[in-house]
Amino acid sequence: MTDVLRPWRAKFPGVEVSEQAVIGSPAEHLVDASAHAALVVVGRFTHGPRPGPRVGLVTLKVLHHSTAPVAVIAHG
């Protein structure tokens, strides 16, 4: 994760990023972390067996329960 985020941290040094490895429900951890976040960023699929954009269960739960704004980013 650190290697993936390195170029983005260099490009936007003023943005604080928190990395954590946790066990359990990803959605629950993201919703809990939203209490201390300025923005929660989650992804959505852009391709698959069905046409059109869609969100997964984690993204859907975060959208419904986050206390911080949520940005949904499309990825392939």
C-alpha atoms as a PDB file:
ATOM      1  CA  MET A   1       0.000   0.000   0.000  1.00  0.00           C
ATOM      2  CA  THR A   2       2.819   2.375   0.832  1.00  0.00           C
ATOM      3  CA  ASP A   3       4.351   1.870  -2.623  1.00  0.00           C
ATOM      4  CA  VAL A   4       0.997   2.457  -4.347  1.00  0.00           C
ATOM      5  CA  LEU A   5       0.374   5.675  -2.421  1.00  0.00           C
ATOM      6  CA  ARG A   6       3.920   7.080  -2.728  1.00  0.00           C
ATOM      7  CA  PRO A   7       3.413   8.951  -6.041  1.00  0.00           C
ATOM      8  CA  TRP A   8       0.153  10.460  -4.801  1.00  0.00           C
ATOM      9  CA  ARG A   9       1.736  11.580  -1.551  1.00  0.00           C
ATOM     10  CA  ALA A  10       4.510  13.245  -3.531  1.00  0.00           C
ATOM     11  CA  LYS A  11       2.021  14.988  -5.814  1.00  0.00           C
ATOM     12  CA  PHE A  12      -0.208  16.149  -2.921  1.00  0.00           C
ATOM     13  CA  PRO A  13       2.063  16.541   0.120  1.00  0.00           C
ATOM     14  CA  GLY A  14      -0.506  18.588   2.047  1.00  0.00           C
ATOM     15  CA  VAL A  15      -3.028  15.735   2.123  1.00  0.00           C
ATOM     16  CA  GLU A  16      -2.824  13.529   5.194  1.00  0.00           C
ATOM     17  CA  VAL A  17      -3.235   9.824   4.414  1.00  0.00           C
ATOM     18  CA  SER A  18      -3.747   7.133   7.036  1.00  0.00           C
ATOM     19  CA  GLU A  19      -2.814   3.520   6.293  1.00  0.00           C
ATOM     20  CA  GLN A  20      -3.993   0.668   8.506  1.00  0.00           C
ATOM     21  CA  ALA A  21      -4.130  -3.101   8.155  1.00  0.00           C
ATOM     22  CA  VAL A  22      -7.118  -4.406  10.100  1.00  0.00           C
ATOM     23  CA  ILE A  23      -9.068  -7.630  10.473  1.00  0.00           C
ATOM     24  CA  GLY A  24     -12.829  -7.667  10.090  1.00  0.00           C
ATOM     25  CA  SER A  25     -15.463  -6.012   7.967  1.00  0.00           C
ATOM     26  CA  PRO A  26     -13.941  -3.419   5.588  1.00  0.00           C
ATOM     27  CA  ALA A  27     -17.204  -1.462   5.545  1.00  0.00           C
ATOM     28  CA  GLU A  28     -17.402  -1.283   9.347  1.00  0.00           C
ATOM     29  CA  HIS A  29     -13.781  -0.130   9.606  1.00  0.00           C
ATOM     30  CA  LEU A  30     -14.302   2.568   6.972  1.00  0.00           C
ATOM     31  CA  VAL A  31     -17.503   3.787   8.616  1.00  0.00           C
ATOM     32  CA  ASP A  32     -15.727   3.911  12.007  1.00  0.00           C
ATOM     33  CA  ALA A  33     -12.769   5.764  10.462  1.00  0.00           C
ATOM     34  CA  SER A  34     -15.139   8.285   8.870  1.00  0.00           C
ATOM     35  CA  ALA A  35     -15.745   9.775  12.317  1.00  0.00           C
ATOM     36  CA  HIS A  36     -12.201  11.197  12.189  1.00  0.00           C
ATOM     37  CA  ALA A  37     -11.903  11.815   8.447  1.00  0.00           C
ATOM     38  CA  ALA A  38     -12.367  14.863   6.257  1.00  0.00           C
ATOM     39  CA  LEU A  39     -13.086  12.593   3.263  1.00  0.00           C
ATOM     40  CA  VAL A  40     -13.563   8.863   2.702  1.00  0.00           C
ATOM     41  CA  VAL A  41     -12.536   7.571  -0.736  1.00  0.00           C
ATOM     42  CA  VAL A  42     -13.997   4.294  -2.017  1.00  0.00           C
ATOM     43  CA  GLY A  43     -14.100   2.658  -5.426  1.00  0.00           C
ATOM     44  CA  ARG A  44     -16.659   1.323  -7.857  1.00  0.00           C
ATOM     45  CA  PHE A  45     -16.305  -1.089 -10.757  1.00  0.00           C
ATOM     46  CA  THR A  46     -16.610   0.094 -14.339  1.00  0.00           C
ATOM     47  CA  HIS A  47     -16.771  -3.286 -16.024  1.00  0.00           C
ATOM     48  CA  GLY A  48     -17.979  -6.786 -15.358  1.00  0.00           C
ATOM     49  CA  PRO A  49     -20.740  -9.170 -16.359  1.00  0.00           C
ATOM     50  CA  ARG A  50     -23.457  -6.499 -16.280  1.00  0.00           C
ATOM     51  CA  PRO A  51     -23.334  -3.255 -18.252  1.00  0.00           C
ATOM     52  CA  GLY A  52     -23.258   0.100 -16.514  1.00  0.00           C
ATOM     53  CA  PRO A  53     -21.623   1.467 -13.375  1.00  0.00           C
ATOM     54  CA  ARG A  54     -22.258  -0.227 -10.056  1.00  0.00           C
ATOM     55  CA  VAL A  55     -21.048  -0.121  -6.494  1.00  0.00           C
ATOM     56  CA  GLY A  56     -20.227  -3.043  -4.252  1.00  0.00           C
ATOM     57  CA  LEU A  57     -21.544  -3.782  -0.794  1.00  0.00           C
ATOM     58  CA  VAL A  58     -18.664  -2.046   0.991  1.00  0.00           C
ATOM     59  CA  THR A  59     -19.100   1.166  -0.997  1.00  0.00           C
ATOM     60  CA  LEU A  60     -22.867   1.072  -0.529  1.00  0.00           C
ATOM     61  CA  LYS A  61     -22.578   0.683   3.248  1.00  0.00           C
ATOM     62  CA  VAL A  62     -20.008   3.486   3.460  1.00  0.00           C
ATOM     63  CA  LEU A  63     -22.253   5.774   1.389  1.00  0.00           C
ATOM     64  CA  HIS A  64     -25.176   5.133   3.731  1.00  0.00           C
ATOM     65  CA  HIS A  65     -23.370   5.271   7.088  1.00  0.00           C
ATOM     66  CA  SER A  66     -20.287   7.499   6.777  1.00  0.00           C
ATOM     67  CA  THR A  67     -20.233  10.622   8.908  1.00  0.00           C
ATOM     68  CA  ALA A  68     -17.747  12.249   6.499  1.00  0.00           C
ATOM     69  CA  PRO A  69     -18.211  13.091   2.824  1.00  0.00           C
ATOM     70  CA  VAL A  70     -17.582  10.130   0.508  1.00  0.00           C
ATOM     71  CA  ALA A  71     -15.887  10.225  -2.899  1.00  0.00           C
ATOM     72  CA  VAL A  72     -16.649   7.237  -5.137  1.00  0.00           C
ATOM     73  CA  ILE A  73     -13.909   6.703  -7.712  1.00  0.00           C
ATOM     74  CA  ALA A  74     -14.363   4.479 -10.756  1.00  0.00           C
ATOM     75  CA  HIS A  75     -11.711   1.864 -11.435  1.00  0.00           C
ATOM     76  CA  GLY A  76     -11.389  -0.921 -13.957  1.00  0.00           C
END
